[in-house]
Amino acid sequence: MLSPTTTTSAAAISTASYTTIPISGDDVISRSIQNVSDTVSRHRPWSEFIAAGVFDSPESLSAAGLRLQKNSKYFSINYAILISICAAFSILLTPISLIAYAAVFALWLVLVFFREDPMVAWGYHVSDRIVIGGLVLVSAMAIWFAGMVNYLLIGVAVGLLISAVHGALRNPDGLFLDEDDAVSDGLIGANSNSNLNSNPQRKDFWN
């Protein structure tokens, strides 16, 4: 039979879904906005995204797929920004629709995708199901009020198409997310990588 202490600890582990204690709703939103800002700021330089001399035709469809896979990891944030811009341009002539969809998109980012803390409103914890259900309802109302869904979907499709073409034509040689990618592509040896991991201060010696 489990002791009360063990039962309490197991219940706490099973119900905990966040790493921090509940904070005010304003602080939750502020931290989410900061997370969004930090993520966007980590995009790759646009000069690297469209650098001259790095575009060529892939040798085969499999090579194009491999390029697309590598570039989608390396330029993921750039592609997300590009798709968002294309979607915005598709409804630019209707400012009301643009504002409505931008507001709904921002709510999804802040309250769902980039939220790390439990949501609290007027001192009460708000479950994720309620938050998502409310956002689905708000999204449906925005679609009913603003319309222009077809144009918005066309804009997203154009952004995806541009991203796919860029990913297939952009030669990913020399683009590495981390040391493991460099090792897998043969840029550095596995022994060198292990030495760097075991001696993280070694790189400062050469500076």
C-alpha atoms as a PDB file:
ATOM      1  CA  MET A   1       0.000   0.000   0.000  1.00  0.00           C
ATOM      2  CA  LEU A   2       1.356   3.413  -0.943  1.00  0.00           C
ATOM      3  CA  SER A   3       2.010   5.923   1.783  1.00  0.00           C
ATOM      4  CA  PRO A   4       0.254   9.328   1.694  1.00  0.00           C
ATOM      5  CA  THR A   5       3.554  10.991   0.858  1.00  0.00           C
ATOM      6  CA  THR A   6       4.151   8.683  -2.108  1.00  0.00           C
ATOM      7  CA  THR A   7       0.584   9.136  -3.337  1.00  0.00           C
ATOM      8  CA  THR A   8       0.860  12.918  -3.109  1.00  0.00           C
ATOM      9  CA  SER A   9       4.181  12.939  -4.959  1.00  0.00           C
ATOM     10  CA  ALA A  10       2.830  10.713  -7.749  1.00  0.00           C
ATOM     11  CA  ALA A  11      -0.227  12.918  -8.132  1.00  0.00           C
ATOM     12  CA  ALA A  12       1.929  16.025  -8.325  1.00  0.00           C
ATOM     13  CA  ILE A  13       4.104  14.483 -11.026  1.00  0.00           C
ATOM     14  CA  SER A  14       1.120  13.316 -13.071  1.00  0.00           C
ATOM     15  CA  THR A  15      -0.679  16.654 -12.959  1.00  0.00           C
ATOM     16  CA  ALA A  16       2.299  18.965 -13.438  1.00  0.00           C
ATOM     17  CA  SER A  17       2.610  20.078 -17.036  1.00  0.00           C
ATOM     18  CA  TYR A  18       4.640  23.259 -16.650  1.00  0.00           C
ATOM     19  CA  THR A  19       8.032  23.997 -15.221  1.00  0.00           C
ATOM     20  CA  THR A  20       7.073  27.064 -13.207  1.00  0.00           C
ATOM     21  CA  ILE A  21       4.546  27.970 -10.569  1.00  0.00           C
ATOM     22  CA  PRO A  22       1.413  29.842 -11.656  1.00  0.00           C
ATOM     23  CA  ILE A  23       1.974  33.541 -12.323  1.00  0.00           C
ATOM     24  CA  SER A  24      -0.389  36.328 -13.256  1.00  0.00           C
ATOM     25  CA  GLY A  25      -2.026  36.354 -16.671  1.00  0.00           C
ATOM     26  CA  ASP A  26      -0.194  39.552 -17.635  1.00  0.00           C
ATOM     27  CA  ASP A  27       3.152  37.946 -16.822  1.00  0.00           C
ATOM     28  CA  VAL A  28       2.206  34.824 -18.801  1.00  0.00           C
ATOM     29  CA  ILE A  29       1.418  36.931 -21.855  1.00  0.00           C
ATOM     30  CA  SER A  30       4.565  39.035 -21.413  1.00  0.00           C
ATOM     31  CA  ARG A  31       6.754  35.941 -21.263  1.00  0.00           C
ATOM     32  CA  SER A  32       5.020  34.456 -24.301  1.00  0.00           C
ATOM     33  CA  ILE A  33       5.569  37.647 -26.287  1.00  0.00           C
ATOM     34  CA  GLN A  34       9.222  37.577 -25.254  1.00  0.00           C
ATOM     35  CA  ASN A  35       9.480  33.964 -26.444  1.00  0.00           C
ATOM     36  CA  VAL A  36       8.007  34.935 -29.817  1.00  0.00           C
ATOM     37  CA  SER A  37      10.442  37.847 -30.106  1.00  0.00           C
ATOM     38  CA  ASP A  38      13.418  35.658 -29.177  1.00  0.00           C
ATOM     39  CA  THR A  39      12.410  33.014 -31.726  1.00  0.00           C
ATOM     40  CA  VAL A  40      11.984  35.509 -34.568  1.00  0.00           C
ATOM     41  CA  SER A  41      15.316  37.130 -33.708  1.00  0.00           C
ATOM     42  CA  ARG A  42      17.054  33.788 -34.282  1.00  0.00           C
ATOM     43  CA  HIS A  43      16.290  33.776 -37.999  1.00  0.00           C
ATOM     44  CA  ARG A  44      19.224  33.322 -40.335  1.00  0.00           C
ATOM     45  CA  PRO A  45      20.613  36.455 -42.027  1.00  0.00           C
ATOM     46  CA  TRP A  46      18.651  37.254 -45.144  1.00  0.00           C
ATOM     47  CA  SER A  47      21.928  37.885 -46.971  1.00  0.00           C
ATOM     48  CA  GLU A  48      22.717  34.214 -46.350  1.00  0.00           C
ATOM     49  CA  PHE A  49      19.175  33.208 -47.330  1.00  0.00           C
ATOM     50  CA  ILE A  50      19.496  34.739 -50.815  1.00  0.00           C
ATOM     51  CA  ALA A  51      23.278  34.792 -51.190  1.00  0.00           C
ATOM     52  CA  ALA A  52      24.581  34.900 -54.737  1.00  0.00           C
ATOM     53  CA  GLY A  53      26.308  31.855 -56.152  1.00  0.00           C
ATOM     54  CA  VAL A  54      24.642  29.280 -53.886  1.00  0.00           C
ATOM     55  CA  PHE A  55      21.729  28.346 -56.146  1.00  0.00           C
ATOM     56  CA  ASP A  56      21.971  25.530 -58.658  1.00  0.00           C
ATOM     57  CA  SER A  57      19.866  22.693 -59.991  1.00  0.00           C
ATOM     58  CA  PRO A  58      19.840  19.495 -57.936  1.00  0.00           C
ATOM     59  CA  GLU A  59      21.128  16.370 -59.628  1.00  0.00           C
ATOM     60  CA  SER A  60      17.951  14.371 -58.999  1.00  0.00           C
ATOM     61  CA  LEU A  61      14.630  14.438 -57.189  1.00  0.00           C
ATOM     62  CA  SER A  62      16.161  12.647 -54.219  1.00  0.00           C
ATOM     63  CA  ALA A  63      18.909  15.272 -54.069  1.00  0.00           C
ATOM     64  CA  ALA A  64      16.262  17.995 -54.212  1.00  0.00           C
ATOM     65  CA  GLY A  65      14.395  16.326 -51.368  1.00  0.00           C
ATOM     66  CA  LEU A  66      17.570  16.119 -49.293  1.00  0.00           C
ATOM     67  CA  ARG A  67      18.270  19.789 -49.937  1.00  0.00           C
ATOM     68  CA  LEU A  68      14.763  20.700 -48.952  1.00  0.00           C
ATOM     69  CA  GLN A  69      15.080  18.725 -45.731  1.00  0.00           C
ATOM     70  CA  LYS A  70      18.358  20.378 -44.750  1.00  0.00           C
ATOM     71  CA  ASN A  71      17.292  23.889 -45.708  1.00  0.00           C
ATOM     72  CA  SER A  72      13.950  23.546 -43.930  1.00  0.00           C
ATOM     73  CA  LYS A  73      15.836  22.871 -40.698  1.00  0.00           C
ATOM     74  CA  TYR A  74      18.412  25.600 -41.174  1.00  0.00           C
ATOM     75  CA  PHE A  75      16.063  28.313 -42.518  1.00  0.00           C
ATOM     76  CA  SER A  76      12.898  27.230 -40.672  1.00  0.00           C
ATOM     77  CA  ILE A  77      12.281  30.631 -39.089  1.00  0.00           C
ATOM     78  CA  ASN A  78      12.990  32.440 -42.366  1.00  0.00           C
ATOM     79  CA  TYR A  79      10.458  30.235 -44.149  1.00  0.00           C
ATOM     80  CA  ALA A  80       7.865  30.911 -41.442  1.00  0.00           C
ATOM     81  CA  ILE A  81       8.393  34.663 -41.824  1.00  0.00           C
ATOM     82  CA  LEU A  82       8.204  34.384 -45.614  1.00  0.00           C
ATOM     83  CA  ILE A  83       4.933  32.423 -45.500  1.00  0.00           C
ATOM     84  CA  SER A  84       3.453  34.926 -43.033  1.00  0.00           C
ATOM     85  CA  ILE A  85       4.404  37.833 -45.303  1.00  0.00           C
ATOM     86  CA  CYS A  86       2.817  36.137 -48.338  1.00  0.00           C
ATOM     87  CA  ALA A  87      -0.354  35.488 -46.340  1.00  0.00           C
ATOM     88  CA  ALA A  88      -0.479  39.127 -45.239  1.00  0.00           C
ATOM     89  CA  PHE A  89       0.039  40.409 -48.782  1.00  0.00           C
ATOM     90  CA  SER A  90      -2.807  38.234 -50.050  1.00  0.00           C
ATOM     91  CA  ILE A  91      -5.335  40.221 -47.963  1.00  0.00           C
ATOM     92  CA  LEU A  92      -3.489  43.537 -47.917  1.00  0.00           C
ATOM     93  CA  LEU A  93      -6.259  45.274 -49.888  1.00  0.00           C
ATOM     94  CA  THR A  94      -8.752  44.516 -47.115  1.00  0.00           C
ATOM     95  CA  PRO A  95      -7.267  46.054 -43.940  1.00  0.00           C
ATOM     96  CA  ILE A  96     -10.104  44.789 -41.724  1.00  0.00           C
ATOM     97  CA  SER A  97      -9.414  41.188 -42.707  1.00  0.00           C
ATOM     98  CA  LEU A  98      -5.677  41.700 -42.287  1.00  0.00           C
ATOM     99  CA  ILE A  99      -6.124  43.100 -38.768  1.00  0.00           C
ATOM    100  CA  ALA A 100      -8.583  40.368 -37.774  1.00  0.00           C
ATOM    101  CA  TYR A 101      -6.441  37.482 -38.991  1.00  0.00           C
ATOM    102  CA  ALA A 102      -3.241  39.038 -37.621  1.00  0.00           C
ATOM    103  CA  ALA A 103      -4.871  39.383 -34.207  1.00  0.00           C
ATOM    104  CA  VAL A 104      -6.078  35.770 -34.213  1.00  0.00           C
ATOM    105  CA  PHE A 105      -2.679  34.538 -35.366  1.00  0.00           C
ATOM    106  CA  ALA A 106      -0.985  36.523 -32.597  1.00  0.00           C
ATOM    107  CA  LEU A 107      -3.357  35.052 -30.006  1.00  0.00           C
ATOM    108  CA  TRP A 108      -2.506  31.508 -31.095  1.00  0.00           C
ATOM    109  CA  LEU A 109       1.204  32.269 -30.886  1.00  0.00           C
ATOM    110  CA  VAL A 110       1.057  33.949 -27.483  1.00  0.00           C
ATOM    111  CA  LEU A 111      -1.535  31.779 -25.741  1.00  0.00           C
ATOM    112  CA  VAL A 112      -0.709  28.340 -27.181  1.00  0.00           C
ATOM    113  CA  PHE A 113       2.459  27.819 -29.184  1.00  0.00           C
ATOM    114  CA  PHE A 114       4.870  29.989 -27.173  1.00  0.00           C
ATOM    115  CA  ARG A 115       3.272  29.824 -23.729  1.00  0.00           C
ATOM    116  CA  GLU A 116       5.394  28.095 -21.098  1.00  0.00           C
ATOM    117  CA  ASP A 117       3.367  28.859 -17.974  1.00  0.00           C
ATOM    118  CA  PRO A 118      -0.106  27.882 -16.754  1.00  0.00           C
ATOM    119  CA  MET A 119      -2.740  30.429 -17.696  1.00  0.00           C
ATOM    120  CA  VAL A 120      -4.339  32.283 -14.784  1.00  0.00           C
ATOM    121  CA  ALA A 121      -7.289  34.681 -15.066  1.00  0.00           C
ATOM    122  CA  TRP A 122      -8.749  36.541 -12.057  1.00  0.00           C
ATOM    123  CA  GLY A 123      -6.945  34.178  -9.720  1.00  0.00           C
ATOM    124  CA  TYR A 124      -8.280  30.999 -11.364  1.00  0.00           C
ATOM    125  CA  HIS A 125      -6.281  28.496 -13.377  1.00  0.00           C
ATOM    126  CA  VAL A 126      -7.511  28.190 -16.966  1.00  0.00           C
ATOM    127  CA  SER A 127      -6.950  24.776 -18.532  1.00  0.00           C
ATOM    128  CA  ASP A 128      -5.380  24.368 -21.949  1.00  0.00           C
ATOM    129  CA  ARG A 129      -8.604  22.877 -23.312  1.00  0.00           C
ATOM    130  CA  ILE A 130     -10.515  26.024 -22.418  1.00  0.00           C
ATOM    131  CA  VAL A 131      -7.814  28.228 -23.976  1.00  0.00           C
ATOM    132  CA  ILE A 132      -7.738  26.234 -27.217  1.00  0.00           C
ATOM    133  CA  GLY A 133     -11.536  25.968 -27.330  1.00  0.00           C
ATOM    134  CA  GLY A 134     -11.838  29.716 -26.908  1.00  0.00           C
ATOM    135  CA  LEU A 135      -9.293  30.366 -29.645  1.00  0.00           C
ATOM    136  CA  VAL A 136     -11.090  28.008 -32.016  1.00  0.00           C
ATOM    137  CA  LEU A 137     -14.292  29.941 -31.379  1.00  0.00           C
ATOM    138  CA  VAL A 138     -12.534  33.280 -31.896  1.00  0.00           C
ATOM    139  CA  SER A 139     -10.958  31.970 -35.111  1.00  0.00           C
ATOM    140  CA  ALA A 140     -14.340  30.852 -36.421  1.00  0.00           C
ATOM    141  CA  MET A 141     -15.836  34.267 -35.629  1.00  0.00           C
ATOM    142  CA  ALA A 142     -12.921  36.002 -37.395  1.00  0.00           C
ATOM    143  CA  ILE A 143     -13.439  33.858 -40.493  1.00  0.00           C
ATOM    144  CA  TRP A 144     -17.161  34.613 -40.470  1.00  0.00           C
ATOM    145  CA  PHE A 145     -16.574  38.353 -39.933  1.00  0.00           C
ATOM    146  CA  ALA A 146     -13.554  38.975 -42.158  1.00  0.00           C
ATOM    147  CA  GLY A 147     -13.988  36.394 -44.906  1.00  0.00           C
ATOM    148  CA  MET A 148     -11.230  36.371 -47.554  1.00  0.00           C
ATOM    149  CA  VAL A 149     -10.295  32.815 -46.565  1.00  0.00           C
ATOM    150  CA  ASN A 150      -9.630  31.800 -50.163  1.00  0.00           C
ATOM    151  CA  TYR A 151      -7.192  34.667 -50.659  1.00  0.00           C
ATOM    152  CA  LEU A 152      -5.500  33.865 -47.349  1.00  0.00           C
ATOM    153  CA  LEU A 153      -5.051  30.221 -48.318  1.00  0.00           C
ATOM    154  CA  ILE A 154      -3.667  31.268 -51.700  1.00  0.00           C
ATOM    155  CA  GLY A 155      -1.141  33.490 -49.948  1.00  0.00           C
ATOM    156  CA  VAL A 156      -0.071  30.647 -47.669  1.00  0.00           C
ATOM    157  CA  ALA A 157       0.205  28.307 -50.664  1.00  0.00           C
ATOM    158  CA  VAL A 158       2.373  30.828 -52.532  1.00  0.00           C
ATOM    159  CA  GLY A 159       4.615  31.155 -49.488  1.00  0.00           C
ATOM    160  CA  LEU A 160       4.956  27.388 -49.223  1.00  0.00           C
ATOM    161  CA  LEU A 161       5.732  27.126 -52.931  1.00  0.00           C
ATOM    162  CA  ILE A 162       8.426  29.815 -52.760  1.00  0.00           C
ATOM    163  CA  SER A 163       9.930  28.122 -49.704  1.00  0.00           C
ATOM    164  CA  ALA A 164       9.929  24.736 -51.444  1.00  0.00           C
ATOM    165  CA  VAL A 165      11.597  26.139 -54.574  1.00  0.00           C
ATOM    166  CA  HIS A 166      14.193  27.928 -52.470  1.00  0.00           C
ATOM    167  CA  GLY A 167      14.838  24.799 -50.419  1.00  0.00           C
ATOM    168  CA  ALA A 168      15.348  22.683 -53.528  1.00  0.00           C
ATOM    169  CA  LEU A 169      17.618  25.138 -55.366  1.00  0.00           C
ATOM    170  CA  ARG A 170      19.616  26.517 -52.433  1.00  0.00           C
ATOM    171  CA  ASN A 171      22.801  24.444 -52.111  1.00  0.00           C
ATOM    172  CA  PRO A 172      23.089  23.587 -48.400  1.00  0.00           C
ATOM    173  CA  ASP A 173      26.820  22.800 -48.497  1.00  0.00           C
ATOM    174  CA  GLY A 174      28.474  24.615 -45.624  1.00  0.00           C
ATOM    175  CA  LEU A 175      25.264  25.058 -43.638  1.00  0.00           C
ATOM    176  CA  PHE A 176      25.446  23.285 -40.301  1.00  0.00           C
ATOM    177  CA  LEU A 177      23.090  23.479 -37.360  1.00  0.00           C
ATOM    178  CA  ASP A 178      25.675  22.133 -34.918  1.00  0.00           C
ATOM    179  CA  GLU A 179      28.925  20.183 -34.658  1.00  0.00           C
ATOM    180  CA  ASP A 180      27.157  16.848 -35.191  1.00  0.00           C
ATOM    181  CA  ASP A 181      25.968  18.022 -38.607  1.00  0.00           C
ATOM    182  CA  ALA A 182      29.514  19.082 -39.462  1.00  0.00           C
ATOM    183  CA  VAL A 183      30.807  15.645 -38.472  1.00  0.00           C
ATOM    184  CA  SER A 184      28.149  13.836 -40.529  1.00  0.00           C
ATOM    185  CA  ASP A 185      29.097  15.876 -43.597  1.00  0.00           C
ATOM    186  CA  GLY A 186      32.810  15.221 -43.070  1.00  0.00           C
ATOM    187  CA  LEU A 187      33.792  18.823 -42.356  1.00  0.00           C
ATOM    188  CA  ILE A 188      35.440  17.856 -39.063  1.00  0.00           C
ATOM    189  CA  GLY A 189      36.454  14.496 -37.666  1.00  0.00           C
ATOM    190  CA  ALA A 190      34.525  12.644 -35.007  1.00  0.00           C
ATOM    191  CA  ASN A 191      37.557  12.734 -32.710  1.00  0.00           C
ATOM    192  CA  SER A 192      37.746  16.481 -33.023  1.00  0.00           C
ATOM    193  CA  ASN A 193      34.079  16.768 -32.155  1.00  0.00           C
ATOM    194  CA  SER A 194      34.487  14.598 -29.045  1.00  0.00           C
ATOM    195  CA  ASN A 195      37.496  16.628 -27.975  1.00  0.00           C
ATOM    196  CA  LEU A 196      35.519  19.839 -28.308  1.00  0.00           C
ATOM    197  CA  ASN A 197      32.674  18.402 -26.266  1.00  0.00           C
ATOM    198  CA  SER A 198      35.004  17.140 -23.554  1.00  0.00           C
ATOM    199  CA  ASN A 199      37.014  20.375 -23.519  1.00  0.00           C
ATOM    200  CA  PRO A 200      34.537  23.188 -24.098  1.00  0.00           C
ATOM    201  CA  GLN A 201      37.100  25.833 -23.087  1.00  0.00           C
ATOM    202  CA  ARG A 202      39.583  24.762 -25.747  1.00  0.00           C
ATOM    203  CA  LYS A 203      38.039  26.987 -28.387  1.00  0.00           C
ATOM    204  CA  ASP A 204      38.786  30.040 -26.226  1.00  0.00           C
ATOM    205  CA  PHE A 205      42.485  29.116 -26.288  1.00  0.00           C
ATOM    206  CA  TRP A 206      42.715  29.904 -29.964  1.00  0.00           C
ATOM    207  CA  ASN A 207      40.908  33.259 -29.712  1.00  0.00           C
END
